[in-house]
PDB file of N, CA and C in Angstrom:
ATOM      1  N   MET A   1     -35.023 -84.288  48.111  1.00  0.00           N
ATOM      2  CA  MET A   1     -34.892 -84.096  46.793  1.00  0.00           C
ATOM      3  C   MET A   1     -36.182 -84.024  45.827  1.00  0.00           C
ATOM      4  N   GLU A   2     -37.323 -84.352  46.693  1.00  0.00           N
ATOM      5  CA  GLU A   2     -38.774 -84.539  46.042  1.00  0.00           C
ATOM      6  C   GLU A   2     -38.961 -83.230  45.134  1.00  0.00           C
ATOM      7  N   ALA A   3     -38.711 -81.965  45.774  1.00  0.00           N
ATOM      8  CA  ALA A   3     -38.985 -80.667  45.123  1.00  0.00           C
ATOM      9  C   ALA A   3     -38.210 -80.503  43.979  1.00  0.00           C
ATOM     10  N   PHE A   4     -36.874 -81.065  43.963  1.00  0.00           N
ATOM     11  CA  PHE A   4     -35.989 -80.927  42.970  1.00  0.00           C
ATOM     12  C   PHE A   4     -36.529 -81.811  41.758  1.00  0.00           C
ATOM     13  N   ALA A   5     -36.828 -82.860  41.946  1.00  0.00           N
ATOM     14  CA  ALA A   5     -37.370 -83.990  41.049  1.00  0.00           C
ATOM     15  C   ALA A   5     -38.465 -83.171  40.272  1.00  0.00           C
ATOM     16  N   LYS A   6     -39.651 -82.706  41.029  1.00  0.00           N
ATOM     17  CA  LYS A   6     -40.773 -82.276  40.614  1.00  0.00           C
ATOM     18  C   LYS A   6     -40.702 -80.961  39.771  1.00  0.00           C
ATOM     19  N   ASN A   7     -39.672 -80.219  40.296  1.00  0.00           N
ATOM     20  CA  ASN A   7     -39.363 -79.023  39.688  1.00  0.00           C
ATOM     21  C   ASN A   7     -38.722 -79.297  38.278  1.00  0.00           C
ATOM     22  N   LEU A   8     -37.899 -80.247  38.274  1.00  0.00           N
ATOM     23  CA  LEU A   8     -36.916 -80.685  37.151  1.00  0.00           C
ATOM     24  C   LEU A   8     -38.023 -80.912  35.889  1.00  0.00           C
ATOM     25  N   ARG A   9     -38.821 -81.842  36.152  1.00  0.00           N
ATOM     26  CA  ARG A   9     -39.892 -82.415  35.425  1.00  0.00           C
ATOM     27  C   ARG A   9     -40.658 -81.391  34.734  1.00  0.00           C
ATOM     28  N   GLU A  10     -41.290 -80.460  35.666  1.00  0.00           N
ATOM     29  CA  GLU A  10     -42.180 -79.302  35.133  1.00  0.00           C
ATOM     30  C   GLU A  10     -41.302 -78.418  34.290  1.00  0.00           C
ATOM     31  N   LYS A  11     -40.059 -77.936  34.675  1.00  0.00           N
ATOM     32  CA  LYS A  11     -39.406 -76.969  33.960  1.00  0.00           C
ATOM     33  C   LYS A  11     -38.963 -77.443  32.560  1.00  0.00           C
ATOM     34  N   ARG A  12     -38.578 -78.866  32.599  1.00  0.00           N
ATOM     35  CA  ARG A  12     -38.402 -79.563  31.298  1.00  0.00           C
ATOM     36  C   ARG A  12     -39.628 -79.613  30.215  1.00  0.00           C
ATOM     37  N   GLU A  13     -40.647 -79.920  30.932  1.00  0.00           N
ATOM     38  CA  GLU A  13     -41.920 -80.060  30.131  1.00  0.00           C
ATOM     39  C   GLU A  13     -42.289 -78.466  29.645  1.00  0.00           C
ATOM     40  N   ARG A  14     -42.296 -77.581  30.466  1.00  0.00           N
ATOM     41  CA  ARG A  14     -42.661 -76.326  30.201  1.00  0.00           C
ATOM     42  C   ARG A  14     -41.608 -75.878  28.734  1.00  0.00           C
ATOM     43  N   LYS A  15     -40.437 -76.163  28.972  1.00  0.00           N
ATOM     44  CA  LYS A  15     -39.645 -75.904  27.589  1.00  0.00           C
ATOM     45  C   LYS A  15     -39.737 -76.792  26.523  1.00  0.00           C
ATOM     46  N   GLY A  16     -40.583 -77.701  26.639  1.00  0.00           N
ATOM     47  CA  GLY A  16     -40.798 -78.633  25.401  1.00  0.00           C
ATOM     48  C   GLY A  16     -39.890 -79.657  25.364  1.00  0.00           C
ATOM     49  N   PHE A  17     -38.924 -79.881  26.206  1.00  0.00           N
ATOM     50  CA  PHE A  17     -38.036 -80.880  26.045  1.00  0.00           C
ATOM     51  C   PHE A  17     -38.294 -82.331  26.456  1.00  0.00           C
ATOM     52  N   SER A  18     -37.808 -83.158  25.567  1.00  0.00           N
ATOM     53  CA  SER A  18     -38.082 -84.612  26.156  1.00  0.00           C
ATOM     54  C   SER A  18     -36.877 -84.703  26.995  1.00  0.00           C
ATOM     55  N   ALA A  19     -36.938 -85.973  27.834  1.00  0.00           N
ATOM     56  CA  ALA A  19     -36.029 -86.534  28.906  1.00  0.00           C
ATOM     57  C   ALA A  19     -34.656 -86.794  28.190  1.00  0.00           C
ATOM     58  N   ALA A  20     -34.811 -87.341  26.696  1.00  0.00           N
ATOM     59  CA  ALA A  20     -33.679 -87.572  26.045  1.00  0.00           C
ATOM     60  C   ALA A  20     -32.872 -86.402  25.675  1.00  0.00           C
ATOM     61  N   HIS A  21     -33.751 -85.672  25.225  1.00  0.00           N
ATOM     62  CA  HIS A  21     -33.034 -84.179  24.715  1.00  0.00           C
ATOM     63  C   HIS A  21     -32.186 -83.289  25.725  1.00  0.00           C
ATOM     64  N   LEU A  22     -32.859 -83.318  27.030  1.00  0.00           N
ATOM     65  CA  LEU A  22     -32.144 -82.836  28.162  1.00  0.00           C
ATOM     66  C   LEU A  22     -31.013 -83.613  28.523  1.00  0.00           C
ATOM     67  N   ALA A  23     -31.154 -84.824  28.545  1.00  0.00           N
ATOM     68  CA  ALA A  23     -30.096 -85.806  28.900  1.00  0.00           C
ATOM     69  C   ALA A  23     -28.774 -85.726  28.023  1.00  0.00           C
ATOM     70  N   SER A  24     -28.993 -85.247  26.685  1.00  0.00           N
ATOM     71  CA  SER A  24     -27.967 -85.053  25.521  1.00  0.00           C
ATOM     72  C   SER A  24     -27.525 -83.617  25.921  1.00  0.00           C
ATOM     73  N   LEU A  25     -28.205 -82.786  26.179  1.00  0.00           N
ATOM     74  CA  LEU A  25     -27.602 -81.278  26.557  1.00  0.00           C
ATOM     75  C   LEU A  25     -26.718 -81.533  27.753  1.00  0.00           C
ATOM     76  N   LEU A  26     -27.196 -82.347  28.680  1.00  0.00           N
ATOM     77  CA  LEU A  26     -26.306 -82.549  29.965  1.00  0.00           C
ATOM     78  C   LEU A  26     -25.139 -83.322  29.667  1.00  0.00           C
ATOM     79  N   LEU A  27     -24.871 -84.013  28.535  1.00  0.00           N
ATOM     80  CA  LEU A  27     -23.961 -84.946  28.073  1.00  0.00           C
ATOM     81  C   LEU A  27     -24.045 -86.037  29.255  1.00  0.00           C
ATOM     82  N   ILE A  28     -25.162 -86.742  29.468  1.00  0.00           N
ATOM     83  CA  ILE A  28     -25.316 -87.834  30.451  1.00  0.00           C
ATOM     84  C   ILE A  28     -26.356 -88.814  29.589  1.00  0.00           C
ATOM     85  N   SER A  29     -26.465 -90.146  30.203  1.00  0.00           N
ATOM     86  CA  SER A  29     -27.271 -90.977  29.380  1.00  0.00           C
ATOM     87  C   SER A  29     -28.665 -90.490  29.968  1.00  0.00           C
ATOM     88  N   GLU A  30     -29.586 -91.181  29.126  1.00  0.00           N
ATOM     89  CA  GLU A  30     -30.947 -91.015  29.243  1.00  0.00           C
ATOM     90  C   GLU A  30     -31.410 -91.478  30.853  1.00  0.00           C
ATOM     91  N   GLU A  31     -30.796 -92.649  31.186  1.00  0.00           N
ATOM     92  CA  GLU A  31     -31.049 -93.306  32.341  1.00  0.00           C
ATOM     93  C   GLU A  31     -30.578 -92.399  33.437  1.00  0.00           C
ATOM     94  N   GLN A  32     -29.420 -91.999  33.277  1.00  0.00           N
ATOM     95  CA  GLN A  32     -28.799 -91.037  34.457  1.00  0.00           C
ATOM     96  C   GLN A  32     -29.851 -89.849  34.718  1.00  0.00           C
ATOM     97  N   TYR A  33     -30.415 -89.348  33.472  1.00  0.00           N
ATOM     98  CA  TYR A  33     -31.196 -88.400  33.735  1.00  0.00           C
ATOM     99  C   TYR A  33     -32.699 -88.498  34.313  1.00  0.00           C
ATOM    100  N   ASN A  34     -33.061 -89.760  33.872  1.00  0.00           N
ATOM    101  CA  ASN A  34     -34.160 -90.254  34.438  1.00  0.00           C
ATOM    102  C   ASN A  34     -34.218 -90.392  35.969  1.00  0.00           C
ATOM    103  N   ASP A  35     -32.974 -90.751  36.568  1.00  0.00           N
ATOM    104  CA  ASP A  35     -32.845 -91.118  37.968  1.00  0.00           C
ATOM    105  C   ASP A  35     -32.711 -89.606  38.698  1.00  0.00           C
ATOM    106  N   LEU A  36     -32.236 -88.776  37.996  1.00  0.00           N
ATOM    107  CA  LEU A  36     -32.378 -87.338  38.602  1.00  0.00           C
ATOM    108  C   LEU A  36     -33.959 -86.925  38.631  1.00  0.00           C
ATOM    109  N   GLU A  37     -34.529 -86.943  37.648  1.00  0.00           N
ATOM    110  CA  GLU A  37     -35.873 -86.636  37.496  1.00  0.00           C
ATOM    111  C   GLU A  37     -36.955 -87.457  38.418  1.00  0.00           C
ATOM    112  N   ASN A  38     -36.523 -88.629  38.596  1.00  0.00           N
ATOM    113  CA  ASN A  38     -37.340 -89.404  39.583  1.00  0.00           C
ATOM    114  C   ASN A  38     -37.014 -89.472  40.996  1.00  0.00           C
ATOM    115  N   GLY A  39     -35.910 -88.569  41.455  1.00  0.00           N
ATOM    116  CA  GLY A  39     -35.324 -88.477  42.780  1.00  0.00           C
ATOM    117  C   GLY A  39     -34.764 -89.646  43.163  1.00  0.00           C
ATOM    118  N   HIS A  40     -34.015 -90.418  42.353  1.00  0.00           N
ATOM    119  CA  HIS A  40     -33.291 -91.467  42.790  1.00  0.00           C
ATOM    120  C   HIS A  40     -31.754 -91.163  42.902  1.00  0.00           C
ATOM    121  N   THR A  41     -31.401 -90.083  42.207  1.00  0.00           N
ATOM    122  CA  THR A  41     -30.114 -89.601  42.642  1.00  0.00           C
ATOM    123  C   THR A  41     -30.057 -88.170  42.846  1.00  0.00           C
ATOM    124  N   SER A  42     -29.022 -87.611  43.301  1.00  0.00           N
ATOM    125  CA  SER A  42     -28.728 -86.120  43.687  1.00  0.00           C
ATOM    126  C   SER A  42     -27.889 -85.516  42.513  1.00  0.00           C
ATOM    127  N   PRO A  43     -28.320 -84.358  42.064  1.00  0.00           N
ATOM    128  CA  PRO A  43     -27.533 -83.723  41.101  1.00  0.00           C
ATOM    129  C   PRO A  43     -26.119 -83.161  41.834  1.00  0.00           C
ATOM    130  N   SER A  44     -25.217 -83.087  40.938  1.00  0.00           N
ATOM    131  CA  SER A  44     -23.866 -82.498  41.344  1.00  0.00           C
ATOM    132  C   SER A  44     -24.171 -80.833  41.196  1.00  0.00           C
ATOM    133  N   VAL A  45     -23.212 -80.304  41.902  1.00  0.00           N
ATOM    134  CA  VAL A  45     -23.525 -78.905  41.644  1.00  0.00           C
ATOM    135  C   VAL A  45     -23.084 -78.285  40.201  1.00  0.00           C
ATOM    136  N   GLY A  46     -22.440 -79.106  39.484  1.00  0.00           N
ATOM    137  CA  GLY A  46     -22.141 -78.805  38.147  1.00  0.00           C
ATOM    138  C   GLY A  46     -23.376 -78.966  37.163  1.00  0.00           C
ATOM    139  N   THR A  47     -24.003 -79.904  37.604  1.00  0.00           N
ATOM    140  CA  THR A  47     -25.386 -80.452  36.878  1.00  0.00           C
ATOM    141  C   THR A  47     -26.329 -79.334  37.288  1.00  0.00           C
ATOM    142  N   LEU A  48     -26.497 -78.882  38.405  1.00  0.00           N
ATOM    143  CA  LEU A  48     -27.436 -78.036  38.704  1.00  0.00           C
ATOM    144  C   LEU A  48     -27.190 -76.800  38.038  1.00  0.00           C
ATOM    145  N   LYS A  49     -26.049 -76.197  37.780  1.00  0.00           N
ATOM    146  CA  LYS A  49     -25.619 -75.176  37.139  1.00  0.00           C
ATOM    147  C   LYS A  49     -26.092 -75.333  35.814  1.00  0.00           C
ATOM    148  N   GLN A  50     -25.621 -76.271  35.089  1.00  0.00           N
ATOM    149  CA  GLN A  50     -26.104 -76.515  33.860  1.00  0.00           C
ATOM    150  C   GLN A  50     -27.474 -76.467  33.581  1.00  0.00           C
ATOM    151  N   LEU A  51     -28.336 -77.161  34.466  1.00  0.00           N
ATOM    152  CA  LEU A  51     -29.608 -77.170  34.357  1.00  0.00           C
ATOM    153  C   LEU A  51     -30.342 -75.804  34.622  1.00  0.00           C
ATOM    154  N   SER A  52     -29.650 -74.974  35.714  1.00  0.00           N
ATOM    155  CA  SER A  52     -30.304 -73.666  35.774  1.00  0.00           C
ATOM    156  C   SER A  52     -30.098 -72.859  34.506  1.00  0.00           C
ATOM    157  N   VAL A  53     -28.954 -72.880  33.694  1.00  0.00           N
ATOM    158  CA  VAL A  53     -28.806 -72.311  32.418  1.00  0.00           C
ATOM    159  C   VAL A  53     -29.696 -72.805  31.309  1.00  0.00           C
ATOM    160  N   ILE A  54     -29.711 -74.123  31.134  1.00  0.00           N
ATOM    161  CA  ILE A  54     -30.615 -74.695  30.267  1.00  0.00           C
ATOM    162  C   ILE A  54     -32.178 -74.448  30.456  1.00  0.00           C
ATOM    163  N   LEU A  55     -32.659 -74.612  31.508  1.00  0.00           N
ATOM    164  CA  LEU A  55     -34.122 -74.277  31.819  1.00  0.00           C
ATOM    165  C   LEU A  55     -34.412 -72.840  32.194  1.00  0.00           C
ATOM    166  N   ASN A  56     -33.587 -71.794  31.974  1.00  0.00           N
ATOM    167  CA  ASN A  56     -33.716 -70.442  32.234  1.00  0.00           C
ATOM    168  C   ASN A  56     -34.499 -70.347  33.857  1.00  0.00           C
ATOM    169  N   SER A  57     -33.603 -71.014  34.851  1.00  0.00           N
ATOM    170  CA  SER A  57     -33.938 -70.965  36.293  1.00  0.00           C
ATOM    171  C   SER A  57     -32.742 -70.630  36.977  1.00  0.00           C
ATOM    172  N   THR A  58     -33.020 -70.656  38.233  1.00  0.00           N
ATOM    173  CA  THR A  58     -31.910 -70.706  39.207  1.00  0.00           C
ATOM    174  C   THR A  58     -31.704 -71.718  40.111  1.00  0.00           C
ATOM    175  N   VAL A  59     -30.550 -72.069  40.701  1.00  0.00           N
ATOM    176  CA  VAL A  59     -30.366 -73.459  41.470  1.00  0.00           C
ATOM    177  C   VAL A  59     -31.456 -73.387  42.557  1.00  0.00           C
ATOM    178  N   PRO A  60     -31.693 -72.139  43.489  1.00  0.00           N
ATOM    179  CA  PRO A  60     -32.776 -72.463  44.291  1.00  0.00           C
ATOM    180  C   PRO A  60     -34.088 -72.724  43.873  1.00  0.00           C
ATOM    181  N   GLU A  61     -34.533 -72.169  42.730  1.00  0.00           N
ATOM    182  CA  GLU A  61     -35.683 -72.541  42.215  1.00  0.00           C
ATOM    183  C   GLU A  61     -35.830 -74.071  41.731  1.00  0.00           C
ATOM    184  N   LEU A  62     -34.829 -74.558  41.277  1.00  0.00           N
ATOM    185  CA  LEU A  62     -34.680 -75.814  40.955  1.00  0.00           C
ATOM    186  C   LEU A  62     -34.906 -76.950  42.380  1.00  0.00           C
ATOM    187  N   LEU A  63     -34.365 -76.351  43.384  1.00  0.00           N
ATOM    188  CA  LEU A  63     -34.177 -77.135  44.583  1.00  0.00           C
ATOM    189  C   LEU A  63     -35.392 -77.108  45.496  1.00  0.00           C
ATOM    190  N   THR A  64     -36.331 -76.247  45.386  1.00  0.00           N
ATOM    191  CA  THR A  64     -37.232 -75.845  46.618  1.00  0.00           C
ATOM    192  C   THR A  64     -38.487 -75.808  45.912  1.00  0.00           C
ATOM    193  N   ASP A  65     -39.381 -75.972  46.665  1.00  0.00           N
ATOM    194  CA  ASP A  65     -40.867 -75.888  46.304  1.00  0.00           C
ATOM    195  C   ASP A  65     -41.425 -74.599  46.552  1.00  0.00           C
ATOM    196  N   ARG A  66     -40.701 -73.553  46.882  1.00  0.00           N
ATOM    197  CA  ARG A  66     -40.986 -72.078  47.283  1.00  0.00           C
ATOM    198  C   ARG A  66     -40.235 -71.294  46.454  1.00  0.00           C
ATOM    199  N   ALA A  67     -41.036 -70.148  46.337  1.00  0.00           N
ATOM    200  CA  ALA A  67     -40.337 -68.983  45.503  1.00  0.00           C
ATOM    201  C   ALA A  67     -38.773 -68.787  46.187  1.00  0.00           C
ATOM    202  N   VAL A  68     -37.903 -68.349  45.543  1.00  0.00           N
ATOM    203  CA  VAL A  68     -36.629 -67.792  46.053  1.00  0.00           C
ATOM    204  C   VAL A  68     -36.746 -66.746  47.223  1.00  0.00           C
ATOM    205  N   LEU A  69     -37.469 -65.794  46.854  1.00  0.00           N
ATOM    206  CA  LEU A  69     -37.750 -64.714  47.786  1.00  0.00           C
ATOM    207  C   LEU A  69     -38.416 -65.342  49.075  1.00  0.00           C
ATOM    208  N   GLU A  70     -39.173 -66.144  49.086  1.00  0.00           N
ATOM    209  CA  GLU A  70     -39.784 -66.787  50.099  1.00  0.00           C
ATOM    210  C   GLU A  70     -38.902 -67.577  51.117  1.00  0.00           C
ATOM    211  N   LEU A  71     -38.026 -68.444  50.327  1.00  0.00           N
ATOM    212  CA  LEU A  71     -36.885 -69.151  50.878  1.00  0.00           C
ATOM    213  C   LEU A  71     -36.135 -68.269  51.607  1.00  0.00           C
ATOM    214  N   VAL A  72     -35.576 -67.134  51.236  1.00  0.00           N
ATOM    215  CA  VAL A  72     -34.665 -66.307  52.106  1.00  0.00           C
ATOM    216  C   VAL A  72     -35.286 -65.348  52.790  1.00  0.00           C
ATOM    217  N   HIS A  73     -36.663 -65.485  53.051  1.00  0.00           N
ATOM    218  CA  HIS A  73     -37.378 -64.621  54.049  1.00  0.00           C
ATOM    219  C   HIS A  73     -37.219 -63.276  53.622  1.00  0.00           C
ATOM    220  N   GLY A  74     -37.208 -62.882  52.342  1.00  0.00           N
ATOM    221  CA  GLY A  74     -37.155 -61.269  51.856  1.00  0.00           C
ATOM    222  C   GLY A  74     -35.680 -60.864  52.075  1.00  0.00           C
ATOM    223  N   GLN A  75     -34.757 -61.527  52.413  1.00  0.00           N
ATOM    224  CA  GLN A  75     -33.376 -61.007  52.803  1.00  0.00           C
ATOM    225  C   GLN A  75     -32.763 -60.922  51.376  1.00  0.00           C
ATOM    226  N   GLN A  76     -31.684 -60.002  51.120  1.00  0.00           N
ATOM    227  CA  GLN A  76     -31.060 -59.760  49.760  1.00  0.00           C
ATOM    228  C   GLN A  76     -30.392 -61.185  49.669  1.00  0.00           C
ATOM    229  N   ALA A  77     -30.440 -61.531  48.143  1.00  0.00           N
ATOM    230  CA  ALA A  77     -29.851 -62.512  47.629  1.00  0.00           C
ATOM    231  C   ALA A  77     -28.470 -62.693  48.081  1.00  0.00           C
ATOM    232  N   GLY A  78     -27.976 -63.771  48.541  1.00  0.00           N
ATOM    233  CA  GLY A  78     -26.529 -64.052  49.117  1.00  0.00           C
ATOM    234  C   GLY A  78     -26.345 -63.589  50.360  1.00  0.00           C
ATOM    235  N   HIS A  79     -27.508 -63.110  51.195  1.00  0.00           N
ATOM    236  CA  HIS A  79     -27.139 -62.478  52.422  1.00  0.00           C
ATOM    237  C   HIS A  79     -28.079 -63.374  53.385  1.00  0.00           C
ATOM    238  N   PHE A  80     -28.496 -64.641  53.003  1.00  0.00           N
ATOM    239  CA  PHE A  80     -29.217 -65.256  53.867  1.00  0.00           C
ATOM    240  C   PHE A  80     -28.414 -66.328  54.891  1.00  0.00           C
ATOM    241  N   THR A  81     -29.050 -66.874  55.842  1.00  0.00           N
ATOM    242  CA  THR A  81     -28.179 -67.579  56.832  1.00  0.00           C
ATOM    243  C   THR A  81     -28.899 -68.928  56.814  1.00  0.00           C
ATOM    244  N   ALA A  82     -28.169 -69.793  57.654  1.00  0.00           N
ATOM    245  CA  ALA A  82     -28.690 -71.204  57.623  1.00  0.00           C
ATOM    246  C   ALA A  82     -29.941 -71.036  58.606  1.00  0.00           C
ATOM    247  N   GLU A  83     -29.994 -70.331  59.395  1.00  0.00           N
ATOM    248  CA  GLU A  83     -31.170 -69.916  60.282  1.00  0.00           C
ATOM    249  C   GLU A  83     -32.361 -69.547  59.483  1.00  0.00           C
ATOM    250  N   SER A  84     -32.220 -68.923  58.340  1.00  0.00           N
ATOM    251  CA  SER A  84     -33.322 -68.479  57.653  1.00  0.00           C
ATOM    252  C   SER A  84     -34.039 -69.493  56.692  1.00  0.00           C
ATOM    253  N   LEU A  85     -33.519 -70.757  56.604  1.00  0.00           N
ATOM    254  CA  LEU A  85     -33.762 -71.934  55.793  1.00  0.00           C
ATOM    255  C   LEU A  85     -34.704 -72.811  56.518  1.00  0.00           C
ATOM    256  N   SER A  86     -35.673 -73.365  56.019  1.00  0.00           N
ATOM    257  CA  SER A  86     -36.365 -74.465  56.689  1.00  0.00           C
ATOM    258  C   SER A  86     -35.541 -75.842  56.833  1.00  0.00           C
ATOM    259  N   GLU A  87     -35.951 -76.772  57.783  1.00  0.00           N
ATOM    260  CA  GLU A  87     -35.206 -77.883  57.868  1.00  0.00           C
ATOM    261  C   GLU A  87     -35.248 -78.633  56.568  1.00  0.00           C
ATOM    262  N   LEU A  88     -36.306 -78.785  55.707  1.00  0.00           N
ATOM    263  CA  LEU A  88     -36.270 -79.469  54.468  1.00  0.00           C
ATOM    264  C   LEU A  88     -35.269 -78.957  53.417  1.00  0.00           C
ATOM    265  N   ASP A  89     -35.342 -77.449  53.362  1.00  0.00           N
ATOM    266  CA  ASP A  89     -34.318 -76.923  52.613  1.00  0.00           C
ATOM    267  C   ASP A  89     -32.806 -76.995  52.896  1.00  0.00           C
ATOM    268  N   LYS A  90     -32.508 -77.177  54.230  1.00  0.00           N
ATOM    269  CA  LYS A  90     -31.230 -77.447  55.025  1.00  0.00           C
ATOM    270  C   LYS A  90     -30.976 -78.866  54.294  1.00  0.00           C
ATOM    271  N   ASP A  91     -31.908 -79.832  54.390  1.00  0.00           N
ATOM    272  CA  ASP A  91     -31.580 -81.037  54.208  1.00  0.00           C
ATOM    273  C   ASP A  91     -31.201 -81.233  52.472  1.00  0.00           C
ATOM    274  N   THR A  92     -31.882 -80.498  51.918  1.00  0.00           N
ATOM    275  CA  THR A  92     -31.684 -80.607  50.224  1.00  0.00           C
ATOM    276  C   THR A  92     -30.257 -79.919  50.078  1.00  0.00           C
ATOM    277  N   TYR A  93     -29.893 -78.923  50.623  1.00  0.00           N
ATOM    278  CA  TYR A  93     -28.609 -78.231  50.422  1.00  0.00           C
ATOM    279  C   TYR A  93     -27.450 -79.211  50.899  1.00  0.00           C
ATOM    280  N   ILE A  94     -27.791 -79.976  52.152  1.00  0.00           N
ATOM    281  CA  ILE A  94     -26.674 -80.808  52.655  1.00  0.00           C
ATOM    282  C   ILE A  94     -26.472 -81.999  51.683  1.00  0.00           C
ATOM    283  N   LYS A  95     -27.563 -82.647  51.138  1.00  0.00           N
ATOM    284  CA  LYS A  95     -27.326 -83.815  50.278  1.00  0.00           C
ATOM    285  C   LYS A  95     -26.438 -83.161  49.079  1.00  0.00           C
ATOM    286  N   ILE A  96     -27.031 -82.130  48.443  1.00  0.00           N
ATOM    287  CA  ILE A  96     -25.969 -81.769  47.379  1.00  0.00           C
ATOM    288  C   ILE A  96     -24.765 -81.458  47.772  1.00  0.00           C
ATOM    289  N   LEU A  97     -24.335 -80.866  48.942  1.00  0.00           N
ATOM    290  CA  LEU A  97     -22.983 -80.707  49.204  1.00  0.00           C
ATOM    291  C   LEU A  97     -22.177 -81.937  49.542  1.00  0.00           C
ATOM    292  N   GLU A  98     -22.982 -83.015  50.043  1.00  0.00           N
ATOM    293  CA  GLU A  98     -22.409 -84.191  50.365  1.00  0.00           C
ATOM    294  C   GLU A  98     -22.162 -84.938  49.107  1.00  0.00           C
ATOM    295  N   ASN A  99     -23.071 -84.853  47.953  1.00  0.00           N
ATOM    296  CA  ASN A  99     -22.747 -85.467  46.872  1.00  0.00           C
ATOM    297  C   ASN A  99     -21.550 -84.836  46.014  1.00  0.00           C
ATOM    298  N   GLN A 100     -21.314 -83.498  46.222  1.00  0.00           N
ATOM    299  CA  GLN A 100     -20.418 -82.778  45.555  1.00  0.00           C
ATOM    300  C   GLN A 100     -19.008 -83.099  46.337  1.00  0.00           C
ATOM    301  N   LEU A 101     -19.095 -83.320  47.700  1.00  0.00           N
ATOM    302  CA  LEU A 101     -17.562 -83.727  48.300  1.00  0.00           C
ATOM    303  C   LEU A 101     -17.262 -85.081  48.031  1.00  0.00           C
ATOM    304  N   ARG A 102     -18.253 -86.050  47.786  1.00  0.00           N
ATOM    305  CA  ARG A 102     -17.980 -87.371  47.413  1.00  0.00           C
ATOM    306  C   ARG A 102     -17.391 -87.441  45.955  1.00  0.00           C
ATOM    307  N   THR A 103     -17.775 -86.519  45.066  1.00  0.00           N
ATOM    308  CA  THR A 103     -17.143 -86.505  43.578  1.00  0.00           C
ATOM    309  C   THR A 103     -15.974 -85.970  43.850  1.00  0.00           C
ATOM    310  N   LEU A 104     -15.614 -84.886  44.624  1.00  0.00           N
ATOM    311  CA  LEU A 104     -14.332 -83.992  44.716  1.00  0.00           C
ATOM    312  C   LEU A 104     -13.561 -85.290  45.356  1.00  0.00           C
ATOM    313  N   LEU A 105     -13.565 -85.961  46.392  1.00  0.00           N
ATOM    314  CA  LEU A 105     -12.742 -86.963  46.809  1.00  0.00           C
ATOM    315  C   LEU A 105     -12.580 -88.176  46.072  1.00  0.00           C
ATOM    316  N   ALA A 106     -13.596 -88.422  45.414  1.00  0.00           N
ATOM    317  CA  ALA A 106     -13.136 -89.569  44.185  1.00  0.00           C
ATOM    318  C   ALA A 106     -12.278 -89.217  43.128  1.00  0.00           C
ATOM    319  N   GLU A 107     -12.601 -87.845  42.648  1.00  0.00           N
ATOM    320  CA  GLU A 107     -11.599 -87.402  41.549  1.00  0.00           C
ATOM    321  C   GLU A 107     -10.251 -87.210  42.280  1.00  0.00           C
ATOM    322  N   LYS A 108     -10.096 -86.644  43.462  1.00  0.00           N
ATOM    323  CA  LYS A 108      -8.659 -86.655  44.048  1.00  0.00           C
ATOM    324  C   LYS A 108      -8.008 -87.942  44.100  1.00  0.00           C
ATOM    325  N   LYS A 109      -8.734 -89.044  44.493  1.00  0.00           N
ATOM    326  CA  LYS A 109      -8.180 -90.390  44.683  1.00  0.00           C
ATOM    327  C   LYS A 109      -8.118 -90.943  43.250  1.00  0.00           C
ATOM    328  N   GLY A 110      -8.687 -90.295  42.272  1.00  0.00           N
ATOM    329  CA  GLY A 110      -8.371 -90.787  40.732  1.00  0.00           C
ATOM    330  C   GLY A 110      -9.421 -91.925  40.273  1.00  0.00           C
ATOM    331  N   THR A 111     -10.678 -92.149  41.256  1.00  0.00           N
ATOM    332  CA  THR A 111     -11.353 -93.251  40.818  1.00  0.00           C
ATOM    333  C   THR A 111     -12.435 -92.740  40.099  1.00  0.00           C
ATOM    334  N   LEU A 112     -12.413 -91.395  39.405  1.00  0.00           N
ATOM    335  CA  LEU A 112     -13.244 -90.567  38.406  1.00  0.00           C
ATOM    336  C   LEU A 112     -12.401 -90.344  37.373  1.00  0.00           C
ATOM    337  N   SER A 113     -12.997 -90.477  36.013  1.00  0.00           N
ATOM    338  CA  SER A 113     -12.126 -90.065  35.102  1.00  0.00           C
ATOM    339  C   SER A 113     -12.413 -88.456  34.569  1.00  0.00           C
TER     340      SER A 113
END
């Protein structure tokens, strides 16, 4: 998640947003936002989607330290395979999916509001 944290900070600063302002746009506390930007927590899929819209970016651009076209090795968008991703990229996507699954399971059990 190191690339995500770095990209998030750079894209936020490029837009001229403070951490507090971006947190308010995401409807989260500034502390929660700082945890994302400092790499202490992984974003949910929903948060990634929100960030991509707010920051005029794409989810892959937020997650990786390489251009999207380089990430998918020149393959058409939506047509890349796990084999075309580096180990670091695979780890990043796995962490995000694990976080999303934990959230969905917690919601199903009624432990989240």
